[in-house]
């Protein structure tokens, strides 16, 4: 049986031979990769680098008839003192924190279960992933009291239940800056830094209430199309004896 070249290229696309196994161990070792890539056939050409010799000393004029007139000294003088304690030196770090990759079980409209935070045990609807990697979810607030908020996907359980929100357009203004808290300046010269102060509860902005109602209206319309889904979102996530969350 002869396969067409295009078919073979399509079937082998994005499937590397040396992929990671369980535990982060590569499928092939270095010697196997060396043989499969035929690296022994490639000639290693050494790149010649020309190092410029920079002077480390200089000649200075010395005053005084009995001092010789000139003296050779170091350009960069060594320090006269050194610290008594070992100071740790910060090593260079080229690591760039990239946003977390979205799990394949989480898609727009998937019902998630929060397992941490103020609303743990609540069921929410996933809307989209933000640029920071956090998930934008909503209860909706009118159904179970969970407002628009950001959630780390490490603290959610994805269920098999989902609703169709393909016709719902999530505004671009719902980003990480939308949920950022304003920085508060603290008085550094306070005489009682440890005194207990009662913080007044800040009222919710009217614009944010309007945004919540606008999003909830679209999500609730999609929830009502599925039978018994509104009651499912209102119920708390619980486990009975001998029951596991991954069962």
C-alpha atoms as a PDB file:
ATOM      1  CA  UNK A   1       0.000   0.000   0.000  1.00  0.00           C
ATOM      2  CA  UNK A   2       1.498   3.330  -1.109  1.00  0.00           C
ATOM      3  CA  UNK A   3       0.516   6.484   0.709  1.00  0.00           C
ATOM      4  CA  UNK A   4       0.519   9.854  -0.940  1.00  0.00           C
ATOM      5  CA  UNK A   5       3.245  12.236   0.259  1.00  0.00           C
ATOM      6  CA  UNK A   6       0.686  14.897   1.239  1.00  0.00           C
ATOM      7  CA  UNK A   7      -1.229  12.343   3.318  1.00  0.00           C
ATOM      8  CA  UNK A   8       1.957  11.264   5.093  1.00  0.00           C
ATOM      9  CA  UNK A   9       2.939  14.871   5.820  1.00  0.00           C
ATOM     10  CA  UNK A  10      -0.535  15.650   7.152  1.00  0.00           C
ATOM     11  CA  UNK A  11      -0.617  12.616   9.451  1.00  0.00           C
ATOM     12  CA  UNK A  12       2.816  13.390  10.933  1.00  0.00           C
ATOM     13  CA  UNK A  13       2.257  17.114  11.462  1.00  0.00           C
ATOM     14  CA  UNK A  14       2.852  18.414  15.002  1.00  0.00           C
ATOM     15  CA  UNK A  15       3.807  14.969  16.314  1.00  0.00           C
ATOM     16  CA  UNK A  16       7.489  15.059  17.352  1.00  0.00           C
ATOM     17  CA  UNK A  17       9.265  11.770  17.759  1.00  0.00           C
ATOM     18  CA  UNK A  18      10.941  12.716  21.001  1.00  0.00           C
ATOM     19  CA  UNK A  19       8.012  13.763  23.201  1.00  0.00           C
ATOM     20  CA  UNK A  20       7.911  13.906  26.987  1.00  0.00           C
ATOM     21  CA  UNK A  21       6.671  10.873  28.899  1.00  0.00           C
ATOM     22  CA  UNK A  22       5.209  10.776  32.392  1.00  0.00           C
ATOM     23  CA  UNK A  23       7.345  12.578  34.917  1.00  0.00           C
ATOM     24  CA  UNK A  24       8.968  14.862  32.358  1.00  0.00           C
ATOM     25  CA  UNK A  25      11.288  12.143  31.007  1.00  0.00           C
ATOM     26  CA  UNK A  26      11.994  12.311  27.279  1.00  0.00           C
ATOM     27  CA  UNK A  27      11.146   9.319  25.111  1.00  0.00           C
ATOM     28  CA  UNK A  28      14.646   9.139  23.601  1.00  0.00           C
ATOM     29  CA  UNK A  29      17.944   9.756  25.326  1.00  0.00           C
ATOM     30  CA  UNK A  30      20.783  11.927  24.054  1.00  0.00           C
ATOM     31  CA  UNK A  31      22.577   9.065  22.341  1.00  0.00           C
ATOM     32  CA  UNK A  32      19.423   7.943  20.498  1.00  0.00           C
ATOM     33  CA  UNK A  33      18.682  11.487  19.345  1.00  0.00           C
ATOM     34  CA  UNK A  34      22.321  11.828  18.249  1.00  0.00           C
ATOM     35  CA  UNK A  35      21.935   8.734  16.050  1.00  0.00           C
ATOM     36  CA  UNK A  36      18.476   9.573  14.679  1.00  0.00           C
ATOM     37  CA  UNK A  37      19.476  13.109  13.693  1.00  0.00           C
ATOM     38  CA  UNK A  38      22.704  11.779  12.134  1.00  0.00           C
ATOM     39  CA  UNK A  39      24.688  14.388  13.993  1.00  0.00           C
ATOM     40  CA  UNK A  40      27.834  12.276  13.564  1.00  0.00           C
ATOM     41  CA  UNK A  41      27.795  13.181   9.859  1.00  0.00           C
ATOM     42  CA  UNK A  42      27.930  16.897  10.500  1.00  0.00           C
ATOM     43  CA  UNK A  43      31.359  18.476  10.710  1.00  0.00           C
ATOM     44  CA  UNK A  44      32.000  20.778  13.600  1.00  0.00           C
ATOM     45  CA  UNK A  45      33.630  24.000  12.474  1.00  0.00           C
ATOM     46  CA  UNK A  46      35.245  25.990  15.227  1.00  0.00           C
ATOM     47  CA  UNK A  47      34.564  29.693  15.062  1.00  0.00           C
ATOM     48  CA  UNK A  48      37.683  31.736  15.620  1.00  0.00           C
ATOM     49  CA  UNK A  49      37.220  34.665  17.915  1.00  0.00           C
ATOM     50  CA  UNK A  50      39.720  37.466  18.076  1.00  0.00           C
ATOM     51  CA  UNK A  51      40.150  38.659  21.613  1.00  0.00           C
ATOM     52  CA  UNK A  52      41.325  42.206  21.977  1.00  0.00           C
ATOM     53  CA  UNK A  53      44.011  42.596  24.602  1.00  0.00           C
ATOM     54  CA  UNK A  54      43.171  45.535  26.792  1.00  0.00           C
ATOM     55  CA  UNK A  55      45.840  47.062  28.997  1.00  0.00           C
ATOM     56  CA  UNK A  56      45.522  46.451  32.711  1.00  0.00           C
ATOM     57  CA  UNK A  57      48.210  48.893  33.840  1.00  0.00           C
ATOM     58  CA  UNK A  58      49.230  52.434  33.091  1.00  0.00           C
ATOM     59  CA  UNK A  59      52.251  54.647  33.722  1.00  0.00           C
ATOM     60  CA  UNK A  60      51.729  57.729  35.867  1.00  0.00           C
ATOM     61  CA  UNK A  61      54.042  60.550  36.787  1.00  0.00           C
ATOM     62  CA  UNK A  62      55.167  60.619  40.408  1.00  0.00           C
ATOM     63  CA  UNK A  63      56.334  63.826  41.969  1.00  0.00           C
ATOM     64  CA  UNK A  64      59.443  63.989  44.055  1.00  0.00           C
ATOM     65  CA  UNK A  65      63.115  63.747  43.131  1.00  0.00           C
ATOM     66  CA  UNK A  66      63.648  60.451  44.964  1.00  0.00           C
ATOM     67  CA  UNK A  67      60.494  58.637  43.711  1.00  0.00           C
ATOM     68  CA  UNK A  68      61.739  57.687  40.259  1.00  0.00           C
ATOM     69  CA  UNK A  69      59.562  60.081  38.286  1.00  0.00           C
ATOM     70  CA  UNK A  70      57.226  57.413  36.864  1.00  0.00           C
ATOM     71  CA  UNK A  71      55.433  54.404  38.235  1.00  0.00           C
ATOM     72  CA  UNK A  72      53.293  51.584  36.769  1.00  0.00           C
ATOM     73  CA  UNK A  73      49.933  51.193  38.517  1.00  0.00           C
ATOM     74  CA  UNK A  74      46.760  49.175  37.906  1.00  0.00           C
ATOM     75  CA  UNK A  75      44.031  50.818  35.875  1.00  0.00           C
ATOM     76  CA  UNK A  76      41.321  49.231  38.047  1.00  0.00           C
ATOM     77  CA  UNK A  77      42.447  49.398  41.623  1.00  0.00           C
ATOM     78  CA  UNK A  78      41.460  46.427  43.794  1.00  0.00           C
ATOM     79  CA  UNK A  79      39.290  47.192  46.823  1.00  0.00           C
ATOM     80  CA  UNK A  80      41.110  47.809  50.073  1.00  0.00           C
ATOM     81  CA  UNK A  81      38.422  46.118  52.146  1.00  0.00           C
ATOM     82  CA  UNK A  82      36.141  43.158  51.623  1.00  0.00           C
ATOM     83  CA  UNK A  83      32.890  42.228  53.413  1.00  0.00           C
ATOM     84  CA  UNK A  84      33.243  39.955  56.396  1.00  0.00           C
ATOM     85  CA  UNK A  85      30.059  38.059  55.519  1.00  0.00           C
ATOM     86  CA  UNK A  86      29.418  36.154  52.308  1.00  0.00           C
ATOM     87  CA  UNK A  87      27.023  38.159  50.170  1.00  0.00           C
ATOM     88  CA  UNK A  88      24.947  35.931  47.876  1.00  0.00           C
ATOM     89  CA  UNK A  89      25.260  36.891  44.240  1.00  0.00           C
ATOM     90  CA  UNK A  90      22.104  36.889  42.185  1.00  0.00           C
ATOM     91  CA  UNK A  91      22.427  34.572  39.208  1.00  0.00           C
ATOM     92  CA  UNK A  92      21.128  35.632  35.797  1.00  0.00           C
ATOM     93  CA  UNK A  93      17.626  34.366  35.117  1.00  0.00           C
ATOM     94  CA  UNK A  94      16.377  34.354  31.551  1.00  0.00           C
ATOM     95  CA  UNK A  95      13.097  32.662  32.377  1.00  0.00           C
ATOM     96  CA  UNK A  96      10.004  34.448  31.124  1.00  0.00           C
ATOM     97  CA  UNK A  97       6.708  33.696  32.838  1.00  0.00           C
ATOM     98  CA  UNK A  98       4.273  32.797  30.083  1.00  0.00           C
ATOM     99  CA  UNK A  99       0.511  32.563  30.711  1.00  0.00           C
ATOM    100  CA  UNK A 100      -0.729  29.103  31.597  1.00  0.00           C
ATOM    101  CA  UNK A 101      -2.061  26.965  28.769  1.00  0.00           C
ATOM    102  CA  UNK A 102      -5.795  26.399  28.967  1.00  0.00           C
ATOM    103  CA  UNK A 103      -6.821  22.841  29.809  1.00  0.00           C
ATOM    104  CA  UNK A 104      -8.515  20.937  27.002  1.00  0.00           C
ATOM    105  CA  UNK A 105     -11.495  20.161  29.268  1.00  0.00           C
ATOM    106  CA  UNK A 106     -12.252  23.881  29.713  1.00  0.00           C
ATOM    107  CA  UNK A 107     -14.030  25.556  26.802  1.00  0.00           C
ATOM    108  CA  UNK A 108     -16.269  28.671  26.669  1.00  0.00           C
ATOM    109  CA  UNK A 109     -19.561  27.714  28.284  1.00  0.00           C
ATOM    110  CA  UNK A 110     -18.177  24.902  30.457  1.00  0.00           C
ATOM    111  CA  UNK A 111     -19.603  24.688  33.982  1.00  0.00           C
ATOM    112  CA  UNK A 112     -16.758  24.780  36.512  1.00  0.00           C
ATOM    113  CA  UNK A 113     -16.692  24.024  40.228  1.00  0.00           C
ATOM    114  CA  UNK A 114     -14.706  26.396  42.438  1.00  0.00           C
ATOM    115  CA  UNK A 115     -12.675  24.569  45.079  1.00  0.00           C
ATOM    116  CA  UNK A 116     -10.993  27.561  46.737  1.00  0.00           C
ATOM    117  CA  UNK A 117     -11.719  31.125  47.694  1.00  0.00           C
ATOM    118  CA  UNK A 118     -14.781  32.942  48.939  1.00  0.00           C
ATOM    119  CA  UNK A 119     -17.157  31.082  46.609  1.00  0.00           C
ATOM    120  CA  UNK A 120     -15.722  27.571  46.991  1.00  0.00           C
ATOM    121  CA  UNK A 121     -18.261  24.871  46.258  1.00  0.00           C
ATOM    122  CA  UNK A 122     -20.135  27.095  43.795  1.00  0.00           C
ATOM    123  CA  UNK A 123     -20.715  26.248  40.164  1.00  0.00           C
ATOM    124  CA  UNK A 124     -19.863  28.922  37.598  1.00  0.00           C
ATOM    125  CA  UNK A 125     -19.840  29.350  33.817  1.00  0.00           C
ATOM    126  CA  UNK A 126     -16.510  29.857  32.056  1.00  0.00           C
ATOM    127  CA  UNK A 127     -16.467  32.794  29.625  1.00  0.00           C
ATOM    128  CA  UNK A 128     -12.887  33.249  28.364  1.00  0.00           C
ATOM    129  CA  UNK A 129      -9.229  33.159  29.340  1.00  0.00           C
ATOM    130  CA  UNK A 130      -7.506  36.470  30.063  1.00  0.00           C
ATOM    131  CA  UNK A 131      -4.020  37.474  28.955  1.00  0.00           C
ATOM    132  CA  UNK A 132      -2.610  36.654  32.398  1.00  0.00           C
ATOM    133  CA  UNK A 133      -3.834  33.050  32.093  1.00  0.00           C
ATOM    134  CA  UNK A 134      -6.645  33.472  34.624  1.00  0.00           C
ATOM    135  CA  UNK A 135     -10.189  32.391  33.792  1.00  0.00           C
ATOM    136  CA  UNK A 136     -13.085  34.833  33.529  1.00  0.00           C
ATOM    137  CA  UNK A 137     -16.176  33.226  35.101  1.00  0.00           C
ATOM    138  CA  UNK A 138     -19.639  34.251  36.261  1.00  0.00           C
ATOM    139  CA  UNK A 139     -22.321  32.529  38.342  1.00  0.00           C
ATOM    140  CA  UNK A 140     -24.408  34.189  36.947  1.00  0.00           C
ATOM    141  CA  UNK A 141     -24.801  36.496  39.939  1.00  0.00           C
ATOM    142  CA  UNK A 142     -28.597  36.449  39.729  1.00  0.00           C
ATOM    143  CA  UNK A 143     -28.618  32.643  39.907  1.00  0.00           C
ATOM    144  CA  UNK A 144     -26.090  31.757  42.623  1.00  0.00           C
ATOM    145  CA  UNK A 145     -24.524  35.042  43.745  1.00  0.00           C
ATOM    146  CA  UNK A 146     -21.123  34.639  42.033  1.00  0.00           C
ATOM    147  CA  UNK A 147     -20.184  37.855  40.178  1.00  0.00           C
ATOM    148  CA  UNK A 148     -17.769  38.341  37.319  1.00  0.00           C
ATOM    149  CA  UNK A 149     -14.364  37.397  38.667  1.00  0.00           C
ATOM    150  CA  UNK A 150     -10.980  35.939  37.784  1.00  0.00           C
ATOM    151  CA  UNK A 151     -10.105  32.392  38.843  1.00  0.00           C
ATOM    152  CA  UNK A 152      -6.926  30.338  38.565  1.00  0.00           C
ATOM    153  CA  UNK A 153      -7.614  27.151  36.628  1.00  0.00           C
ATOM    154  CA  UNK A 154      -5.631  25.193  39.221  1.00  0.00           C
ATOM    155  CA  UNK A 155      -8.516  25.741  41.662  1.00  0.00           C
ATOM    156  CA  UNK A 156     -11.430  24.617  39.498  1.00  0.00           C
ATOM    157  CA  UNK A 157     -12.929  21.270  38.527  1.00  0.00           C
ATOM    158  CA  UNK A 158     -14.178  21.096  34.956  1.00  0.00           C
ATOM    159  CA  UNK A 159     -17.497  19.263  34.573  1.00  0.00           C
ATOM    160  CA  UNK A 160     -18.951  17.611  31.491  1.00  0.00           C
ATOM    161  CA  UNK A 161     -21.854  20.069  31.557  1.00  0.00           C
ATOM    162  CA  UNK A 162     -21.646  23.045  29.213  1.00  0.00           C
ATOM    163  CA  UNK A 163     -23.936  25.581  27.581  1.00  0.00           C
ATOM    164  CA  UNK A 164     -23.799  27.146  24.145  1.00  0.00           C
ATOM    165  CA  UNK A 165     -22.515  30.730  24.466  1.00  0.00           C
ATOM    166  CA  UNK A 166     -21.195  31.021  20.924  1.00  0.00           C
ATOM    167  CA  UNK A 167     -23.711  33.803  20.289  1.00  0.00           C
ATOM    168  CA  UNK A 168     -22.643  35.706  23.411  1.00  0.00           C
ATOM    169  CA  UNK A 169     -19.967  38.325  22.766  1.00  0.00           C
ATOM    170  CA  UNK A 170     -17.755  39.094  25.753  1.00  0.00           C
ATOM    171  CA  UNK A 171     -16.587  42.695  25.673  1.00  0.00           C
ATOM    172  CA  UNK A 172     -12.828  43.305  25.413  1.00  0.00           C
ATOM    173  CA  UNK A 173     -12.974  45.633  28.412  1.00  0.00           C
ATOM    174  CA  UNK A 174     -13.182  42.596  30.695  1.00  0.00           C
ATOM    175  CA  UNK A 175      -9.421  42.180  31.065  1.00  0.00           C
ATOM    176  CA  UNK A 176      -6.942  42.070  33.942  1.00  0.00           C
ATOM    177  CA  UNK A 177      -6.921  45.865  34.259  1.00  0.00           C
ATOM    178  CA  UNK A 178     -10.702  45.804  34.755  1.00  0.00           C
ATOM    179  CA  UNK A 179     -10.319  43.744  37.954  1.00  0.00           C
ATOM    180  CA  UNK A 180      -7.191  45.487  39.274  1.00  0.00           C
ATOM    181  CA  UNK A 181      -7.582  47.110  42.661  1.00  0.00           C
ATOM    182  CA  UNK A 182      -6.557  50.763  43.023  1.00  0.00           C
ATOM    183  CA  UNK A 183      -3.397  51.230  45.052  1.00  0.00           C
ATOM    184  CA  UNK A 184      -3.833  52.967  48.379  1.00  0.00           C
ATOM    185  CA  UNK A 185      -1.191  55.245  49.856  1.00  0.00           C
ATOM    186  CA  UNK A 186      -0.376  54.516  53.489  1.00  0.00           C
ATOM    187  CA  UNK A 187       0.860  57.153  55.890  1.00  0.00           C
ATOM    188  CA  UNK A 188       4.419  56.181  56.800  1.00  0.00           C
ATOM    189  CA  UNK A 189       4.602  58.670  59.654  1.00  0.00           C
ATOM    190  CA  UNK A 190       1.690  57.287  61.621  1.00  0.00           C
ATOM    191  CA  UNK A 191       2.245  57.162  65.376  1.00  0.00           C
ATOM    192  CA  UNK A 192       0.145  54.023  65.806  1.00  0.00           C
ATOM    193  CA  UNK A 193       1.100  51.649  62.983  1.00  0.00           C
ATOM    194  CA  UNK A 194      -0.418  48.662  64.793  1.00  0.00           C
ATOM    195  CA  UNK A 195      -3.645  50.328  65.833  1.00  0.00           C
ATOM    196  CA  UNK A 196      -6.826  48.625  64.710  1.00  0.00           C
ATOM    197  CA  UNK A 197      -8.758  50.719  62.230  1.00  0.00           C
ATOM    198  CA  UNK A 198     -12.190  49.821  60.992  1.00  0.00           C
ATOM    199  CA  UNK A 199     -12.238  49.882  57.226  1.00  0.00           C
ATOM    200  CA  UNK A 200     -15.462  51.100  55.716  1.00  0.00           C
ATOM    201  CA  UNK A 201     -16.981  48.803  53.122  1.00  0.00           C
ATOM    202  CA  UNK A 202     -16.585  50.375  49.710  1.00  0.00           C
ATOM    203  CA  UNK A 203     -19.760  50.546  47.609  1.00  0.00           C
ATOM    204  CA  UNK A 204     -19.790  48.766  44.272  1.00  0.00           C
ATOM    205  CA  UNK A 205     -19.498  51.036  41.286  1.00  0.00           C
ATOM    206  CA  UNK A 206     -22.703  51.540  39.290  1.00  0.00           C
ATOM    207  CA  UNK A 207     -20.854  50.896  36.029  1.00  0.00           C
ATOM    208  CA  UNK A 208     -19.730  47.495  37.293  1.00  0.00           C
ATOM    209  CA  UNK A 209     -23.296  46.649  38.327  1.00  0.00           C
ATOM    210  CA  UNK A 210     -24.493  47.513  34.834  1.00  0.00           C
ATOM    211  CA  UNK A 211     -21.775  45.319  33.296  1.00  0.00           C
ATOM    212  CA  UNK A 212     -22.789  42.422  35.557  1.00  0.00           C
ATOM    213  CA  UNK A 213     -26.454  42.719  34.574  1.00  0.00           C
ATOM    214  CA  UNK A 214     -25.599  42.920  30.864  1.00  0.00           C
ATOM    215  CA  UNK A 215     -23.476  39.758  30.957  1.00  0.00           C
ATOM    216  CA  UNK A 216     -25.918  37.872  33.204  1.00  0.00           C
ATOM    217  CA  UNK A 217     -28.828  38.584  30.867  1.00  0.00           C
ATOM    218  CA  UNK A 218     -27.042  36.849  27.994  1.00  0.00           C
ATOM    219  CA  UNK A 219     -25.813  33.905  30.084  1.00  0.00           C
ATOM    220  CA  UNK A 220     -29.180  33.327  31.794  1.00  0.00           C
ATOM    221  CA  UNK A 221     -30.883  33.246  28.391  1.00  0.00           C
ATOM    222  CA  UNK A 222     -28.506  30.431  27.364  1.00  0.00           C
ATOM    223  CA  UNK A 223     -28.959  28.632  30.710  1.00  0.00           C
ATOM    224  CA  UNK A 224     -32.751  28.600  30.435  1.00  0.00           C
ATOM    225  CA  UNK A 225     -32.513  26.688  27.159  1.00  0.00           C
ATOM    226  CA  UNK A 226     -31.188  23.637  29.083  1.00  0.00           C
ATOM    227  CA  UNK A 227     -33.618  21.860  31.385  1.00  0.00           C
ATOM    228  CA  UNK A 228     -32.816  21.875  35.128  1.00  0.00           C
ATOM    229  CA  UNK A 229     -29.527  23.704  34.535  1.00  0.00           C
ATOM    230  CA  UNK A 230     -30.487  26.718  36.647  1.00  0.00           C
ATOM    231  CA  UNK A 231     -31.095  24.492  39.658  1.00  0.00           C
ATOM    232  CA  UNK A 232     -27.791  22.715  38.992  1.00  0.00           C
ATOM    233  CA  UNK A 233     -25.926  26.029  39.102  1.00  0.00           C
ATOM    234  CA  UNK A 234     -27.657  26.988  42.366  1.00  0.00           C
ATOM    235  CA  UNK A 235     -26.674  23.775  44.133  1.00  0.00           C
ATOM    236  CA  UNK A 236     -23.416  23.443  46.071  1.00  0.00           C
ATOM    237  CA  UNK A 237     -20.756  20.891  45.189  1.00  0.00           C
ATOM    238  CA  UNK A 238     -20.616  18.212  47.873  1.00  0.00           C
ATOM    239  CA  UNK A 239     -19.055  14.773  48.258  1.00  0.00           C
ATOM    240  CA  UNK A 240     -20.561  11.877  50.158  1.00  0.00           C
ATOM    241  CA  UNK A 241     -18.629   9.168  51.960  1.00  0.00           C
ATOM    242  CA  UNK A 242     -16.588   7.046  49.551  1.00  0.00           C
ATOM    243  CA  UNK A 243     -17.147   9.422  46.639  1.00  0.00           C
ATOM    244  CA  UNK A 244     -14.244  11.011  44.791  1.00  0.00           C
ATOM    245  CA  UNK A 245     -14.257  14.283  42.802  1.00  0.00           C
ATOM    246  CA  UNK A 246     -12.722  12.607  39.737  1.00  0.00           C
ATOM    247  CA  UNK A 247     -15.223   9.732  39.641  1.00  0.00           C
END
